[in-house]
Amino acid sequence: MIGTILRHPFVDRLRSFLFGNRVHNGAIFNFILYALLIAIGFVYLQPLLFMFVTSIKSPGDLLNPMVQWVPTELYTGNYDKAFRVLNYPNTLLASIMVSVIPSLLQTFVASLVGYGLARYRFWGKPLVFLLILATFIIPPQNTVIPQMLAYRDLGLLGNPLALILPALMGQGFRSAIFILIFYQNYISLPKVLEESARLDGASDLRIFLSVAVPSAIPAYIVSFIFSVVWYWNETFLTAIFLEGGTTTLPMQLSRFTQAYENLYPPGTVNIFDRINEAVKMSGTFLNILPLLLMYFILQRWFVESVERTGIAGGE
């Protein structure tokens, strides 16, 4: 009797629904999977949500202990103050200039270096690899003083060229990682494609542009996005090389309190506005907003590129 019940079609469908089969996952597995993904997602999103919710709170909501996640009104006064304190249009343009331009140059130069290491044999190649890895292993704090003295002698301190020229020479921020990404991509490229192009009379430069570059598009996307993020968030080296000249959003955010006091001296605003954390949260959110927009726009290509590059083990 029990065996007959267990073999009943309804029981089979119920078992398949709960535990799955060879084609579909069961409801229990899906529930555990989505619960785990939601929990992990909340851990990463909770700081952003807290930052955004706090930034749109009015002074009354900030003082009201009953208001936690849902403000009683959409208050934009915090963003107005943060916009002025950060001098947002000018610092945003400066941040784009010192992050996007070096990233473009660094990505292209890293692709050239990676291709050369993957395709050409020359004396001292292991030494070149060692030096490239050394630029990543050695902390930048150990080399910043010689760099600063060299840039001072060249008159580059306070000039965006202090970041652009090293990127042009393959010595930008974490260039070694991007060189290795391109190296792994090109080393897995079938040589028969290049040999066919060479038989057709293509030069080395033509082979690189028409064969190697199209195959490395995922590596270009990953390298460019990571390079922009690292250049954007770097404050230690940027503050040293650009101090007294260009001011970026992260640099202005690091001295937000001082800039706020200079813009709103004592007596011009009440004491609550001077200690309002919502204004600082607004400034922080304005600082990361361009990066969030860039990621949402390039999300599809970024995820696909990560899966196809050496970051995920290659194809």
C-alpha atoms as a PDB file:
ATOM      1  CA  MET A   1       0.000   0.000   0.000  1.00  0.00           C
ATOM      2  CA  ILE A   2       2.780   2.454   0.964  1.00  0.00           C
ATOM      3  CA  GLY A   3       4.735   1.595  -2.180  1.00  0.00           C
ATOM      4  CA  THR A   4       1.659   2.274  -4.292  1.00  0.00           C
ATOM      5  CA  ILE A   5       1.241   5.724  -2.675  1.00  0.00           C
ATOM      6  CA  LEU A   6       4.907   6.596  -3.203  1.00  0.00           C
ATOM      7  CA  ARG A   7       4.599   5.720  -6.895  1.00  0.00           C
ATOM      8  CA  HIS A   8       1.430   7.781  -7.340  1.00  0.00           C
ATOM      9  CA  PRO A   9       1.777  10.467 -10.091  1.00  0.00           C
ATOM     10  CA  PHE A  10       0.802  13.235  -7.663  1.00  0.00           C
ATOM     11  CA  VAL A  11       3.564  12.183  -5.250  1.00  0.00           C
ATOM     12  CA  ASP A  12       6.059  12.083  -8.106  1.00  0.00           C
ATOM     13  CA  ARG A  13       5.092  15.606  -9.189  1.00  0.00           C
ATOM     14  CA  LEU A  14       5.290  16.837  -5.587  1.00  0.00           C
ATOM     15  CA  ARG A  15       8.728  15.290  -5.140  1.00  0.00           C
ATOM     16  CA  SER A  16       9.882  16.782  -8.428  1.00  0.00           C
ATOM     17  CA  PHE A  17       8.509  20.195  -7.416  1.00  0.00           C
ATOM     18  CA  LEU A  18      10.211  20.154  -4.019  1.00  0.00           C
ATOM     19  CA  PHE A  19      13.486  18.402  -4.777  1.00  0.00           C
ATOM     20  CA  GLY A  20      13.806  18.873  -8.543  1.00  0.00           C
ATOM     21  CA  ASN A  21      14.815  16.474 -11.276  1.00  0.00           C
ATOM     22  CA  ARG A  22      17.479  16.156 -13.920  1.00  0.00           C
ATOM     23  CA  VAL A  23      16.161  19.174 -15.808  1.00  0.00           C
ATOM     24  CA  HIS A  24      14.948  21.637 -13.157  1.00  0.00           C
ATOM     25  CA  ASN A  25      15.996  22.531  -9.624  1.00  0.00           C
ATOM     26  CA  GLY A  26      13.514  21.940  -6.859  1.00  0.00           C
ATOM     27  CA  ALA A  27      11.644  24.579  -4.892  1.00  0.00           C
ATOM     28  CA  ILE A  28      13.685  23.896  -1.745  1.00  0.00           C
ATOM     29  CA  PHE A  29      16.963  24.419  -3.585  1.00  0.00           C
ATOM     30  CA  ASN A  30      15.683  27.610  -5.242  1.00  0.00           C
ATOM     31  CA  PHE A  31      14.419  28.945  -1.915  1.00  0.00           C
ATOM     32  CA  ILE A  32      17.780  28.394  -0.220  1.00  0.00           C
ATOM     33  CA  LEU A  33      19.651  29.829  -3.202  1.00  0.00           C
ATOM     34  CA  TYR A  34      17.572  33.012  -3.431  1.00  0.00           C
ATOM     35  CA  ALA A  35      17.587  33.495   0.335  1.00  0.00           C
ATOM     36  CA  LEU A  36      21.369  33.281   0.310  1.00  0.00           C
ATOM     37  CA  LEU A  37      21.643  35.687  -2.643  1.00  0.00           C
ATOM     38  CA  ILE A  38      19.278  38.176  -0.985  1.00  0.00           C
ATOM     39  CA  ALA A  39      21.267  38.012   2.260  1.00  0.00           C
ATOM     40  CA  ILE A  40      24.574  38.549   0.462  1.00  0.00           C
ATOM     41  CA  GLY A  41      23.066  41.319  -1.665  1.00  0.00           C
ATOM     42  CA  PHE A  42      21.748  43.090   1.431  1.00  0.00           C
ATOM     43  CA  VAL A  43      25.209  43.018   3.027  1.00  0.00           C
ATOM     44  CA  TYR A  44      26.635  44.861   0.011  1.00  0.00           C
ATOM     45  CA  LEU A  45      23.674  47.172  -0.610  1.00  0.00           C
ATOM     46  CA  GLN A  46      22.870  48.105   2.985  1.00  0.00           C
ATOM     47  CA  PRO A  47      25.626  50.773   3.254  1.00  0.00           C
ATOM     48  CA  LEU A  48      24.498  52.359  -0.020  1.00  0.00           C
ATOM     49  CA  LEU A  49      20.849  52.291   1.028  1.00  0.00           C
ATOM     50  CA  PHE A  50      21.683  53.752   4.434  1.00  0.00           C
ATOM     51  CA  MET A  51      23.780  56.465   2.799  1.00  0.00           C
ATOM     52  CA  PHE A  52      21.061  57.426   0.333  1.00  0.00           C
ATOM     53  CA  VAL A  53      18.207  57.344   2.862  1.00  0.00           C
ATOM     54  CA  THR A  54      20.188  59.455   5.324  1.00  0.00           C
ATOM     55  CA  SER A  55      21.094  61.950   2.611  1.00  0.00           C
ATOM     56  CA  ILE A  56      17.440  62.719   1.826  1.00  0.00           C
ATOM     57  CA  LYS A  57      16.342  63.101   5.456  1.00  0.00           C
ATOM     58  CA  SER A  58      15.211  66.497   6.638  1.00  0.00           C
ATOM     59  CA  PRO A  59      16.546  67.917   9.932  1.00  0.00           C
ATOM     60  CA  GLY A  60      13.296  66.852  11.591  1.00  0.00           C
ATOM     61  CA  ASP A  61      13.667  63.257  10.384  1.00  0.00           C
ATOM     62  CA  LEU A  62      17.271  63.129  11.579  1.00  0.00           C
ATOM     63  CA  LEU A  63      16.212  64.180  15.077  1.00  0.00           C
ATOM     64  CA  ASN A  64      13.219  61.824  15.119  1.00  0.00           C
ATOM     65  CA  PRO A  65      14.297  58.382  16.425  1.00  0.00           C
ATOM     66  CA  MET A  66      11.159  56.824  14.896  1.00  0.00           C
ATOM     67  CA  VAL A  67      12.324  57.613  11.358  1.00  0.00           C
ATOM     68  CA  GLN A  68      14.831  54.990  10.233  1.00  0.00           C
ATOM     69  CA  TRP A  69      14.480  53.799   6.625  1.00  0.00           C
ATOM     70  CA  VAL A  70      11.480  55.753   5.301  1.00  0.00           C
ATOM     71  CA  PRO A  71      11.772  59.555   5.567  1.00  0.00           C
ATOM     72  CA  THR A  72       8.588  61.557   5.982  1.00  0.00           C
ATOM     73  CA  GLU A  73       9.567  63.791   3.043  1.00  0.00           C
ATOM     74  CA  LEU A  74      12.033  63.968   0.172  1.00  0.00           C
ATOM     75  CA  TYR A  75      14.469  66.641   1.352  1.00  0.00           C
ATOM     76  CA  THR A  76      17.033  67.871  -1.190  1.00  0.00           C
ATOM     77  CA  GLY A  77      18.595  70.621   0.888  1.00  0.00           C
ATOM     78  CA  ASN A  78      21.470  68.341   1.902  1.00  0.00           C
ATOM     79  CA  TYR A  79      22.409  67.811  -1.737  1.00  0.00           C
ATOM     80  CA  ASP A  80      22.265  71.546  -2.402  1.00  0.00           C
ATOM     81  CA  LYS A  81      24.833  72.177   0.348  1.00  0.00           C
ATOM     82  CA  ALA A  82      27.031  69.220  -0.651  1.00  0.00           C
ATOM     83  CA  PHE A  83      26.916  70.321  -4.296  1.00  0.00           C
ATOM     84  CA  ARG A  84      28.276  73.724  -3.346  1.00  0.00           C
ATOM     85  CA  VAL A  85      30.838  72.415  -0.850  1.00  0.00           C
ATOM     86  CA  LEU A  86      32.269  69.945  -3.382  1.00  0.00           C
ATOM     87  CA  ASN A  87      32.254  72.572  -6.165  1.00  0.00           C
ATOM     88  CA  TYR A  88      30.753  69.667  -8.046  1.00  0.00           C
ATOM     89  CA  PRO A  89      30.925  70.718 -11.732  1.00  0.00           C
ATOM     90  CA  ASN A  90      34.620  71.644 -11.602  1.00  0.00           C
ATOM     91  CA  THR A  91      35.762  68.757  -9.405  1.00  0.00           C
ATOM     92  CA  LEU A  92      33.706  66.283 -11.446  1.00  0.00           C
ATOM     93  CA  LEU A  93      35.349  67.459 -14.660  1.00  0.00           C
ATOM     94  CA  ALA A  94      38.777  67.238 -13.024  1.00  0.00           C
ATOM     95  CA  SER A  95      38.042  63.742 -11.720  1.00  0.00           C
ATOM     96  CA  ILE A  96      36.992  62.574 -15.171  1.00  0.00           C
ATOM     97  CA  MET A  97      40.119  64.060 -16.699  1.00  0.00           C
ATOM     98  CA  VAL A  98      42.545  62.408 -14.247  1.00  0.00           C
ATOM     99  CA  SER A  99      40.776  59.051 -14.300  1.00  0.00           C
ATOM    100  CA  VAL A 100      39.364  58.437 -17.787  1.00  0.00           C
ATOM    101  CA  ILE A 101      42.303  59.777 -19.838  1.00  0.00           C
ATOM    102  CA  PRO A 102      44.992  57.814 -17.921  1.00  0.00           C
ATOM    103  CA  SER A 103      42.742  54.743 -17.975  1.00  0.00           C
ATOM    104  CA  LEU A 104      42.381  54.870 -21.758  1.00  0.00           C
ATOM    105  CA  LEU A 105      46.128  55.272 -22.225  1.00  0.00           C
ATOM    106  CA  GLN A 106      46.976  52.651 -19.632  1.00  0.00           C
ATOM    107  CA  THR A 107      44.612  50.083 -21.148  1.00  0.00           C
ATOM    108  CA  PHE A 108      46.007  50.509 -24.657  1.00  0.00           C
ATOM    109  CA  VAL A 109      49.651  50.489 -23.545  1.00  0.00           C
ATOM    110  CA  ALA A 110      49.044  47.433 -21.330  1.00  0.00           C
ATOM    111  CA  SER A 111      47.571  45.636 -24.334  1.00  0.00           C
ATOM    112  CA  LEU A 112      50.691  46.422 -26.381  1.00  0.00           C
ATOM    113  CA  VAL A 113      53.013  45.207 -23.639  1.00  0.00           C
ATOM    114  CA  GLY A 114      50.932  42.084 -23.036  1.00  0.00           C
ATOM    115  CA  TYR A 115      50.922  41.281 -26.743  1.00  0.00           C
ATOM    116  CA  GLY A 116      54.668  41.754 -27.015  1.00  0.00           C
ATOM    117  CA  LEU A 117      55.323  39.455 -24.066  1.00  0.00           C
ATOM    118  CA  ALA A 118      52.941  36.821 -25.399  1.00  0.00           C
ATOM    119  CA  ARG A 119      54.124  36.756 -29.026  1.00  0.00           C
ATOM    120  CA  TYR A 120      57.796  37.789 -29.212  1.00  0.00           C
ATOM    121  CA  ARG A 121      60.961  36.177 -27.918  1.00  0.00           C
ATOM    122  CA  PHE A 122      63.775  38.443 -26.795  1.00  0.00           C
ATOM    123  CA  TRP A 123      66.683  38.449 -24.399  1.00  0.00           C
ATOM    124  CA  GLY A 124      65.785  39.400 -20.832  1.00  0.00           C
ATOM    125  CA  LYS A 125      62.104  38.500 -21.073  1.00  0.00           C
ATOM    126  CA  PRO A 126      62.028  36.876 -17.570  1.00  0.00           C
ATOM    127  CA  LEU A 127      63.646  40.021 -16.179  1.00  0.00           C
ATOM    128  CA  VAL A 128      60.933  42.154 -17.763  1.00  0.00           C
ATOM    129  CA  PHE A 129      58.289  39.961 -16.136  1.00  0.00           C
ATOM    130  CA  LEU A 130      60.068  40.336 -12.803  1.00  0.00           C
ATOM    131  CA  LEU A 131      60.180  44.116 -13.068  1.00  0.00           C
ATOM    132  CA  ILE A 132      56.505  44.272 -14.051  1.00  0.00           C
ATOM    133  CA  LEU A 133      55.524  42.170 -11.044  1.00  0.00           C
ATOM    134  CA  ALA A 134      57.769  44.272  -8.810  1.00  0.00           C
ATOM    135  CA  THR A 135      55.792  47.388  -9.698  1.00  0.00           C
ATOM    136  CA  PHE A 136      52.714  45.658  -8.289  1.00  0.00           C
ATOM    137  CA  ILE A 137      54.286  43.886  -5.295  1.00  0.00           C
ATOM    138  CA  ILE A 138      56.252  46.872  -3.967  1.00  0.00           C
ATOM    139  CA  PRO A 139      53.888  49.250  -2.115  1.00  0.00           C
ATOM    140  CA  PRO A 140      53.591  52.645  -3.809  1.00  0.00           C
ATOM    141  CA  GLN A 141      54.408  54.323  -0.490  1.00  0.00           C
ATOM    142  CA  ASN A 142      57.990  53.056  -0.912  1.00  0.00           C
ATOM    143  CA  THR A 143      58.471  54.719  -4.290  1.00  0.00           C
ATOM    144  CA  VAL A 144      56.371  57.846  -3.914  1.00  0.00           C
ATOM    145  CA  ILE A 145      59.235  60.042  -2.668  1.00  0.00           C
ATOM    146  CA  PRO A 146      61.556  59.354  -5.665  1.00  0.00           C
ATOM    147  CA  GLN A 147      58.573  59.833  -7.980  1.00  0.00           C
ATOM    148  CA  MET A 148      57.616  63.099  -6.335  1.00  0.00           C
ATOM    149  CA  LEU A 149      61.198  64.421  -6.562  1.00  0.00           C
ATOM    150  CA  ALA A 150      61.405  63.412 -10.234  1.00  0.00           C
ATOM    151  CA  TYR A 151      58.071  65.082 -11.019  1.00  0.00           C
ATOM    152  CA  ARG A 152      59.179  68.202  -9.141  1.00  0.00           C
ATOM    153  CA  ASP A 153      62.339  68.451 -11.225  1.00  0.00           C
ATOM    154  CA  LEU A 154      60.249  68.024 -14.374  1.00  0.00           C
ATOM    155  CA  GLY A 155      57.706  70.606 -13.242  1.00  0.00           C
ATOM    156  CA  LEU A 156      54.813  68.118 -13.232  1.00  0.00           C
ATOM    157  CA  LEU A 157      53.622  68.450  -9.631  1.00  0.00           C
ATOM    158  CA  GLY A 158      50.092  69.834  -9.529  1.00  0.00           C
ATOM    159  CA  ASN A 159      49.645  68.979 -13.216  1.00  0.00           C
ATOM    160  CA  PRO A 160      47.419  66.138 -14.540  1.00  0.00           C
ATOM    161  CA  LEU A 161      50.404  65.103 -16.675  1.00  0.00           C
ATOM    162  CA  ALA A 162      51.862  63.603 -13.492  1.00  0.00           C
ATOM    163  CA  LEU A 163      49.220  60.883 -13.871  1.00  0.00           C
ATOM    164  CA  ILE A 164      48.866  60.855 -17.655  1.00  0.00           C
ATOM    165  CA  LEU A 165      52.541  60.425 -18.599  1.00  0.00           C
ATOM    166  CA  PRO A 166      53.169  57.352 -16.383  1.00  0.00           C
ATOM    167  CA  ALA A 167      50.032  55.741 -17.816  1.00  0.00           C
ATOM    168  CA  LEU A 168      51.356  56.444 -21.313  1.00  0.00           C
ATOM    169  CA  MET A 169      54.595  54.675 -20.380  1.00  0.00           C
ATOM    170  CA  GLY A 170      52.843  51.622 -18.934  1.00  0.00           C
ATOM    171  CA  GLN A 171      53.453  52.654 -15.324  1.00  0.00           C
ATOM    172  CA  GLY A 172      49.973  53.728 -14.272  1.00  0.00           C
ATOM    173  CA  PHE A 173      48.157  52.557 -11.183  1.00  0.00           C
ATOM    174  CA  ARG A 174      48.343  48.730 -11.009  1.00  0.00           C
ATOM    175  CA  SER A 175      49.407  48.436 -14.635  1.00  0.00           C
ATOM    176  CA  ALA A 176      50.961  45.028 -13.916  1.00  0.00           C
ATOM    177  CA  ILE A 177      47.512  43.480 -13.431  1.00  0.00           C
ATOM    178  CA  PHE A 178      46.287  44.715 -16.801  1.00  0.00           C
ATOM    179  CA  ILE A 179      49.462  43.583 -18.568  1.00  0.00           C
ATOM    180  CA  LEU A 180      48.992  40.088 -17.150  1.00  0.00           C
ATOM    181  CA  ILE A 181      45.331  40.082 -18.185  1.00  0.00           C
ATOM    182  CA  PHE A 182      46.253  40.912 -21.772  1.00  0.00           C
ATOM    183  CA  TYR A 183      49.169  38.487 -21.693  1.00  0.00           C
ATOM    184  CA  GLN A 184      46.883  35.638 -20.685  1.00  0.00           C
ATOM    185  CA  ASN A 185      44.361  36.645 -23.331  1.00  0.00           C
ATOM    186  CA  TYR A 186      46.931  36.781 -26.146  1.00  0.00           C
ATOM    187  CA  ILE A 187      48.784  33.641 -25.092  1.00  0.00           C
ATOM    188  CA  SER A 188      45.549  31.677 -25.562  1.00  0.00           C
ATOM    189  CA  LEU A 189      44.903  33.194 -29.007  1.00  0.00           C
ATOM    190  CA  PRO A 190      45.533  30.579 -31.750  1.00  0.00           C
ATOM    191  CA  LYS A 191      48.678  31.482 -33.653  1.00  0.00           C
ATOM    192  CA  VAL A 192      47.170  30.126 -36.872  1.00  0.00           C
ATOM    193  CA  LEU A 193      45.066  33.287 -37.146  1.00  0.00           C
ATOM    194  CA  GLU A 194      48.124  35.507 -37.075  1.00  0.00           C
ATOM    195  CA  GLU A 195      50.042  33.221 -39.432  1.00  0.00           C
ATOM    196  CA  SER A 196      47.184  33.367 -41.940  1.00  0.00           C
ATOM    197  CA  ALA A 197      47.190  37.160 -41.784  1.00  0.00           C
ATOM    198  CA  ARG A 198      50.978  37.218 -42.195  1.00  0.00           C
ATOM    199  CA  LEU A 199      50.714  35.000 -45.290  1.00  0.00           C
ATOM    200  CA  ASP A 200      48.273  37.536 -46.724  1.00  0.00           C
ATOM    201  CA  GLY A 201      50.977  40.177 -46.371  1.00  0.00           C
ATOM    202  CA  ALA A 202      49.802  41.864 -43.149  1.00  0.00           C
ATOM    203  CA  SER A 203      52.421  43.635 -41.068  1.00  0.00           C
ATOM    204  CA  ASP A 204      52.867  43.095 -37.324  1.00  0.00           C
ATOM    205  CA  LEU A 205      50.924  46.275 -36.571  1.00  0.00           C
ATOM    206  CA  ARG A 206      48.113  45.236 -38.911  1.00  0.00           C
ATOM    207  CA  ILE A 207      47.977  41.782 -37.313  1.00  0.00           C
ATOM    208  CA  PHE A 208      47.766  43.359 -33.875  1.00  0.00           C
ATOM    209  CA  LEU A 209      44.981  45.755 -34.847  1.00  0.00           C
ATOM    210  CA  SER A 210      42.913  43.377 -36.986  1.00  0.00           C
ATOM    211  CA  VAL A 211      43.424  40.033 -35.220  1.00  0.00           C
ATOM    212  CA  ALA A 212      44.633  40.540 -31.655  1.00  0.00           C
ATOM    213  CA  VAL A 213      42.612  43.602 -30.649  1.00  0.00           C
ATOM    214  CA  PRO A 214      39.159  42.237 -31.653  1.00  0.00           C
ATOM    215  CA  SER A 215      39.827  39.035 -29.727  1.00  0.00           C
ATOM    216  CA  ALA A 216      40.779  41.032 -26.626  1.00  0.00           C
ATOM    217  CA  ILE A 217      37.680  43.257 -26.398  1.00  0.00           C
ATOM    218  CA  PRO A 218      36.596  41.647 -23.077  1.00  0.00           C
ATOM    219  CA  ALA A 219      40.059  42.321 -21.634  1.00  0.00           C
ATOM    220  CA  TYR A 220      39.870  45.948 -22.813  1.00  0.00           C
ATOM    221  CA  ILE A 221      36.495  46.459 -21.111  1.00  0.00           C
ATOM    222  CA  VAL A 222      37.566  44.883 -17.811  1.00  0.00           C
ATOM    223  CA  SER A 223      40.885  46.727 -17.740  1.00  0.00           C
ATOM    224  CA  PHE A 224      39.303  50.080 -18.551  1.00  0.00           C
ATOM    225  CA  ILE A 225      36.581  49.808 -15.904  1.00  0.00           C
ATOM    226  CA  PHE A 226      38.939  48.667 -13.157  1.00  0.00           C
ATOM    227  CA  SER A 227      41.471  51.317 -14.143  1.00  0.00           C
ATOM    228  CA  VAL A 228      38.868  54.099 -13.973  1.00  0.00           C
ATOM    229  CA  VAL A 229      37.702  52.932 -10.543  1.00  0.00           C
ATOM    230  CA  TRP A 230      41.239  52.728  -9.165  1.00  0.00           C
ATOM    231  CA  TYR A 231      42.259  56.099 -10.559  1.00  0.00           C
ATOM    232  CA  TRP A 232      39.021  57.642  -9.275  1.00  0.00           C
ATOM    233  CA  ASN A 233      39.345  56.252  -5.728  1.00  0.00           C
ATOM    234  CA  GLU A 234      43.080  56.826  -5.344  1.00  0.00           C
ATOM    235  CA  THR A 235      43.584  59.701  -2.941  1.00  0.00           C
ATOM    236  CA  PHE A 236      47.075  59.132  -1.505  1.00  0.00           C
ATOM    237  CA  LEU A 237      49.108  59.393  -4.705  1.00  0.00           C
ATOM    238  CA  THR A 238      46.686  61.792  -6.355  1.00  0.00           C
ATOM    239  CA  ALA A 239      46.841  64.200  -3.435  1.00  0.00           C
ATOM    240  CA  ILE A 240      50.651  64.156  -3.531  1.00  0.00           C
ATOM    241  CA  PHE A 241      51.057  64.564  -7.287  1.00  0.00           C
ATOM    242  CA  LEU A 242      48.202  67.043  -7.820  1.00  0.00           C
ATOM    243  CA  GLU A 243      48.361  69.051  -4.589  1.00  0.00           C
ATOM    244  CA  GLY A 244      48.162  72.761  -5.312  1.00  0.00           C
ATOM    245  CA  GLY A 245      46.794  72.178  -8.792  1.00  0.00           C
ATOM    246  CA  THR A 246      43.915  69.940  -9.815  1.00  0.00           C
ATOM    247  CA  THR A 247      41.347  68.936  -7.180  1.00  0.00           C
ATOM    248  CA  THR A 248      39.279  65.785  -7.677  1.00  0.00           C
ATOM    249  CA  LEU A 249      36.035  64.731  -6.011  1.00  0.00           C
ATOM    250  CA  PRO A 250      37.680  62.231  -3.596  1.00  0.00           C
ATOM    251  CA  MET A 251      40.265  64.871  -2.644  1.00  0.00           C
ATOM    252  CA  GLN A 252      37.554  67.450  -1.998  1.00  0.00           C
ATOM    253  CA  LEU A 253      35.510  64.892  -0.075  1.00  0.00           C
ATOM    254  CA  SER A 254      38.488  64.093   2.180  1.00  0.00           C
ATOM    255  CA  ARG A 255      38.506  67.709   3.325  1.00  0.00           C
ATOM    256  CA  PHE A 256      34.731  68.102   3.252  1.00  0.00           C
ATOM    257  CA  THR A 257      34.427  69.435   6.807  1.00  0.00           C
ATOM    258  CA  GLN A 258      37.033  72.129   6.234  1.00  0.00           C
ATOM    259  CA  ALA A 259      35.458  73.144   2.916  1.00  0.00           C
ATOM    260  CA  TYR A 260      32.034  73.246   4.549  1.00  0.00           C
ATOM    261  CA  GLU A 261      33.283  75.532   7.322  1.00  0.00           C
ATOM    262  CA  ASN A 262      34.936  77.810   4.773  1.00  0.00           C
ATOM    263  CA  LEU A 263      31.717  78.028   2.758  1.00  0.00           C
ATOM    264  CA  TYR A 264      29.403  78.269   5.774  1.00  0.00           C
ATOM    265  CA  PRO A 265      31.377  80.084   8.521  1.00  0.00           C
ATOM    266  CA  PRO A 266      30.032  80.258  12.085  1.00  0.00           C
ATOM    267  CA  GLY A 267      26.987  82.469  12.381  1.00  0.00           C
ATOM    268  CA  THR A 268      25.719  81.886   8.849  1.00  0.00           C
ATOM    269  CA  VAL A 269      24.019  78.559   9.652  1.00  0.00           C
ATOM    270  CA  ASN A 270      22.617  77.091  12.842  1.00  0.00           C
ATOM    271  CA  ILE A 271      24.539  74.619  14.984  1.00  0.00           C
ATOM    272  CA  PHE A 272      22.531  71.656  13.709  1.00  0.00           C
ATOM    273  CA  ASP A 273      23.493  72.307  10.097  1.00  0.00           C
ATOM    274  CA  ARG A 274      27.151  72.428  11.090  1.00  0.00           C
ATOM    275  CA  ILE A 275      27.017  68.876  12.493  1.00  0.00           C
ATOM    276  CA  ASN A 276      24.516  67.488  10.002  1.00  0.00           C
ATOM    277  CA  GLU A 277      25.715  64.027   8.925  1.00  0.00           C
ATOM    278  CA  ALA A 278      23.153  63.997   6.131  1.00  0.00           C
ATOM    279  CA  VAL A 279      25.170  66.630   4.264  1.00  0.00           C
ATOM    280  CA  LYS A 280      28.289  64.445   4.466  1.00  0.00           C
ATOM    281  CA  MET A 281      26.283  61.450   3.253  1.00  0.00           C
ATOM    282  CA  SER A 282      25.047  63.539   0.338  1.00  0.00           C
ATOM    283  CA  GLY A 283      28.608  64.485  -0.556  1.00  0.00           C
ATOM    284  CA  THR A 284      29.712  60.861  -0.363  1.00  0.00           C
ATOM    285  CA  PHE A 285      26.845  59.740  -2.573  1.00  0.00           C
ATOM    286  CA  LEU A 286      27.628  62.453  -5.132  1.00  0.00           C
ATOM    287  CA  ASN A 287      31.222  61.201  -5.138  1.00  0.00           C
ATOM    288  CA  ILE A 288      30.346  57.601  -6.027  1.00  0.00           C
ATOM    289  CA  LEU A 289      27.391  58.453  -8.296  1.00  0.00           C
ATOM    290  CA  PRO A 290      29.486  58.665 -11.519  1.00  0.00           C
ATOM    291  CA  LEU A 291      30.986  55.236 -10.820  1.00  0.00           C
ATOM    292  CA  LEU A 292      27.546  53.754 -10.183  1.00  0.00           C
ATOM    293  CA  LEU A 293      26.234  55.215 -13.435  1.00  0.00           C
ATOM    294  CA  MET A 294      29.247  53.869 -15.330  1.00  0.00           C
ATOM    295  CA  TYR A 295      28.719  50.395 -13.908  1.00  0.00           C
ATOM    296  CA  PHE A 296      24.989  50.326 -14.646  1.00  0.00           C
ATOM    297  CA  ILE A 297      25.612  51.439 -18.221  1.00  0.00           C
ATOM    298  CA  LEU A 298      28.415  48.916 -18.810  1.00  0.00           C
ATOM    299  CA  GLN A 299      27.081  46.160 -16.558  1.00  0.00           C
ATOM    300  CA  ARG A 300      26.165  43.763 -19.343  1.00  0.00           C
ATOM    301  CA  TRP A 301      29.510  44.008 -21.116  1.00  0.00           C
ATOM    302  CA  PHE A 302      31.418  44.067 -17.823  1.00  0.00           C
ATOM    303  CA  VAL A 303      29.935  40.796 -16.535  1.00  0.00           C
ATOM    304  CA  GLU A 304      30.458  39.052 -19.861  1.00  0.00           C
ATOM    305  CA  SER A 305      34.023  40.339 -20.054  1.00  0.00           C
ATOM    306  CA  VAL A 306      34.909  39.187 -16.544  1.00  0.00           C
ATOM    307  CA  GLU A 307      33.715  35.696 -17.427  1.00  0.00           C
ATOM    308  CA  ARG A 308      35.862  35.617 -20.554  1.00  0.00           C
ATOM    309  CA  THR A 309      39.091  37.116 -19.208  1.00  0.00           C
ATOM    310  CA  GLY A 310      41.764  35.815 -16.910  1.00  0.00           C
ATOM    311  CA  ILE A 311      39.940  37.184 -13.862  1.00  0.00           C
ATOM    312  CA  ALA A 312      37.559  34.217 -14.140  1.00  0.00           C
ATOM    313  CA  GLY A 313      40.152  31.784 -15.465  1.00  0.00           C
ATOM    314  CA  GLY A 314      39.734  32.459 -19.190  1.00  0.00           C
ATOM    315  CA  GLU A 315      37.784  30.427 -21.679  1.00  0.00           C
END
